[in-house]
């Protein structure tokens, strides 16, 4: 019974005519808000790109490490691969 009471008003609102046209002030405010959000997201993207670049530099080349290994006691270790010998060629 309660569900029908919640759904019923939604049907009444759906029958209304189209909303009145927005005022010029409202349109201008929405446009300014949209532009501000674009600037905010661009700034966050620029900062996150810089952060990822720093993280990649900090980690160095991941191909120098073996895959993570879990020990029986629960510890996880990541071993560095041994440097290539004189007879091994790098790809």
C-alpha atoms as a PDB file:
ATOM      1  CA  UNK A   1       0.000   0.000   0.000  1.00  0.00           C
ATOM      2  CA  UNK A   2       2.830   2.411   0.871  1.00  0.00           C
ATOM      3  CA  UNK A   3       4.537   1.701  -2.447  1.00  0.00           C
ATOM      4  CA  UNK A   4       1.469   2.809  -4.380  1.00  0.00           C
ATOM      5  CA  UNK A   5       1.375   6.057  -2.437  1.00  0.00           C
ATOM      6  CA  UNK A   6       4.988   6.769  -3.374  1.00  0.00           C
ATOM      7  CA  UNK A   7       4.487   5.874  -7.042  1.00  0.00           C
ATOM      8  CA  UNK A   8       1.177   7.720  -7.485  1.00  0.00           C
ATOM      9  CA  UNK A   9       2.569  11.274  -7.166  1.00  0.00           C
ATOM     10  CA  UNK A  10       5.238  10.490  -9.762  1.00  0.00           C
ATOM     11  CA  UNK A  11       2.499   9.752 -12.279  1.00  0.00           C
ATOM     12  CA  UNK A  12       0.800  13.050 -11.471  1.00  0.00           C
ATOM     13  CA  UNK A  13       4.026  14.978 -12.080  1.00  0.00           C
ATOM     14  CA  UNK A  14       4.606  13.174 -15.360  1.00  0.00           C
ATOM     15  CA  UNK A  15       1.290  14.568 -16.666  1.00  0.00           C
ATOM     16  CA  UNK A  16       2.300  18.210 -16.232  1.00  0.00           C
ATOM     17  CA  UNK A  17       3.024  20.301 -19.299  1.00  0.00           C
ATOM     18  CA  UNK A  18       6.584  21.165 -20.263  1.00  0.00           C
ATOM     19  CA  UNK A  19       8.342  23.421 -17.745  1.00  0.00           C
ATOM     20  CA  UNK A  20       8.327  27.139 -18.491  1.00  0.00           C
ATOM     21  CA  UNK A  21      11.355  28.443 -20.370  1.00  0.00           C
ATOM     22  CA  UNK A  22      14.335  29.251 -18.156  1.00  0.00           C
ATOM     23  CA  UNK A  23      15.105  32.851 -17.350  1.00  0.00           C
ATOM     24  CA  UNK A  24      18.222  34.391 -18.917  1.00  0.00           C
ATOM     25  CA  UNK A  25      19.826  34.684 -15.460  1.00  0.00           C
ATOM     26  CA  UNK A  26      19.278  30.980 -14.797  1.00  0.00           C
ATOM     27  CA  UNK A  27      20.707  30.022 -18.189  1.00  0.00           C
ATOM     28  CA  UNK A  28      23.746  32.239 -17.633  1.00  0.00           C
ATOM     29  CA  UNK A  29      24.301  30.785 -14.150  1.00  0.00           C
ATOM     30  CA  UNK A  30      24.063  27.230 -15.470  1.00  0.00           C
ATOM     31  CA  UNK A  31      26.550  28.063 -18.224  1.00  0.00           C
ATOM     32  CA  UNK A  32      28.987  29.573 -15.703  1.00  0.00           C
ATOM     33  CA  UNK A  33      28.616  26.534 -13.456  1.00  0.00           C
ATOM     34  CA  UNK A  34      29.281  24.235 -16.401  1.00  0.00           C
ATOM     35  CA  UNK A  35      32.410  26.185 -17.361  1.00  0.00           C
ATOM     36  CA  UNK A  36      33.639  26.117 -13.766  1.00  0.00           C
ATOM     37  CA  UNK A  37      33.195  22.346 -13.578  1.00  0.00           C
ATOM     38  CA  UNK A  38      35.121  21.929 -16.849  1.00  0.00           C
ATOM     39  CA  UNK A  39      38.010  23.984 -15.443  1.00  0.00           C
ATOM     40  CA  UNK A  40      37.966  22.009 -12.192  1.00  0.00           C
ATOM     41  CA  UNK A  41      38.046  18.667 -13.979  1.00  0.00           C
ATOM     42  CA  UNK A  42      40.828  19.809 -16.316  1.00  0.00           C
ATOM     43  CA  UNK A  43      42.893  20.891 -13.299  1.00  0.00           C
ATOM     44  CA  UNK A  44      42.313  17.580 -11.518  1.00  0.00           C
ATOM     45  CA  UNK A  45      43.249  15.673 -14.665  1.00  0.00           C
ATOM     46  CA  UNK A  46      46.474  17.677 -15.036  1.00  0.00           C
ATOM     47  CA  UNK A  47      47.417  17.052 -11.395  1.00  0.00           C
ATOM     48  CA  UNK A  48      46.620  13.353 -11.578  1.00  0.00           C
ATOM     49  CA  UNK A  49      48.670  12.984 -14.779  1.00  0.00           C
ATOM     50  CA  UNK A  50      51.619  14.588 -12.986  1.00  0.00           C
ATOM     51  CA  UNK A  51      51.119  12.223 -10.047  1.00  0.00           C
ATOM     52  CA  UNK A  52      51.039   9.147 -12.291  1.00  0.00           C
ATOM     53  CA  UNK A  53      54.212  10.332 -14.006  1.00  0.00           C
ATOM     54  CA  UNK A  54      55.964  10.699 -10.641  1.00  0.00           C
ATOM     55  CA  UNK A  55      54.745   7.252  -9.552  1.00  0.00           C
ATOM     56  CA  UNK A  56      56.028   5.611 -12.723  1.00  0.00           C
ATOM     57  CA  UNK A  57      59.391   7.329 -12.335  1.00  0.00           C
ATOM     58  CA  UNK A  58      59.548   6.234  -8.691  1.00  0.00           C
ATOM     59  CA  UNK A  59      58.775   2.615  -9.547  1.00  0.00           C
ATOM     60  CA  UNK A  60      61.374   2.695 -12.296  1.00  0.00           C
ATOM     61  CA  UNK A  61      61.057  -0.093 -14.833  1.00  0.00           C
ATOM     62  CA  UNK A  62      58.747  -2.841 -13.541  1.00  0.00           C
ATOM     63  CA  UNK A  63      60.336  -5.363 -15.899  1.00  0.00           C
ATOM     64  CA  UNK A  64      63.308  -5.407 -13.483  1.00  0.00           C
ATOM     65  CA  UNK A  65      61.184  -7.220 -10.863  1.00  0.00           C
ATOM     66  CA  UNK A  66      59.827 -10.747 -10.483  1.00  0.00           C
ATOM     67  CA  UNK A  67      56.087 -11.211  -9.897  1.00  0.00           C
ATOM     68  CA  UNK A  68      55.022 -10.872  -6.245  1.00  0.00           C
ATOM     69  CA  UNK A  69      55.418 -14.037  -4.153  1.00  0.00           C
ATOM     70  CA  UNK A  70      53.418 -14.865  -1.025  1.00  0.00           C
ATOM     71  CA  UNK A  71      55.359 -16.700   1.669  1.00  0.00           C
ATOM     72  CA  UNK A  72      53.753 -19.325   3.964  1.00  0.00           C
ATOM     73  CA  UNK A  73      53.710 -16.810   6.840  1.00  0.00           C
ATOM     74  CA  UNK A  74      51.658 -14.356   4.735  1.00  0.00           C
ATOM     75  CA  UNK A  75      54.475 -11.982   3.820  1.00  0.00           C
ATOM     76  CA  UNK A  76      54.590 -10.791   0.218  1.00  0.00           C
ATOM     77  CA  UNK A  77      57.972 -10.231  -1.382  1.00  0.00           C
ATOM     78  CA  UNK A  78      58.889  -8.790  -4.743  1.00  0.00           C
ATOM     79  CA  UNK A  79      62.345  -9.813  -5.846  1.00  0.00           C
ATOM     80  CA  UNK A  80      64.497  -7.835  -8.221  1.00  0.00           C
ATOM     81  CA  UNK A  81      65.550  -9.831 -11.286  1.00  0.00           C
ATOM     82  CA  UNK A  82      69.292 -10.551 -11.492  1.00  0.00           C
ATOM     83  CA  UNK A  83      71.153  -8.314 -13.930  1.00  0.00           C
ATOM     84  CA  UNK A  84      71.747  -9.907 -17.344  1.00  0.00           C
ATOM     85  CA  UNK A  85      75.079 -11.672 -17.728  1.00  0.00           C
ATOM     86  CA  UNK A  86      77.628 -10.849 -20.435  1.00  0.00           C
ATOM     87  CA  UNK A  87      76.385 -13.701 -22.682  1.00  0.00           C
ATOM     88  CA  UNK A  88      72.703 -12.731 -22.377  1.00  0.00           C
ATOM     89  CA  UNK A  89      71.350 -10.206 -24.839  1.00  0.00           C
ATOM     90  CA  UNK A  90      68.663  -7.717 -23.941  1.00  0.00           C
ATOM     91  CA  UNK A  91      65.550  -7.624 -26.063  1.00  0.00           C
END
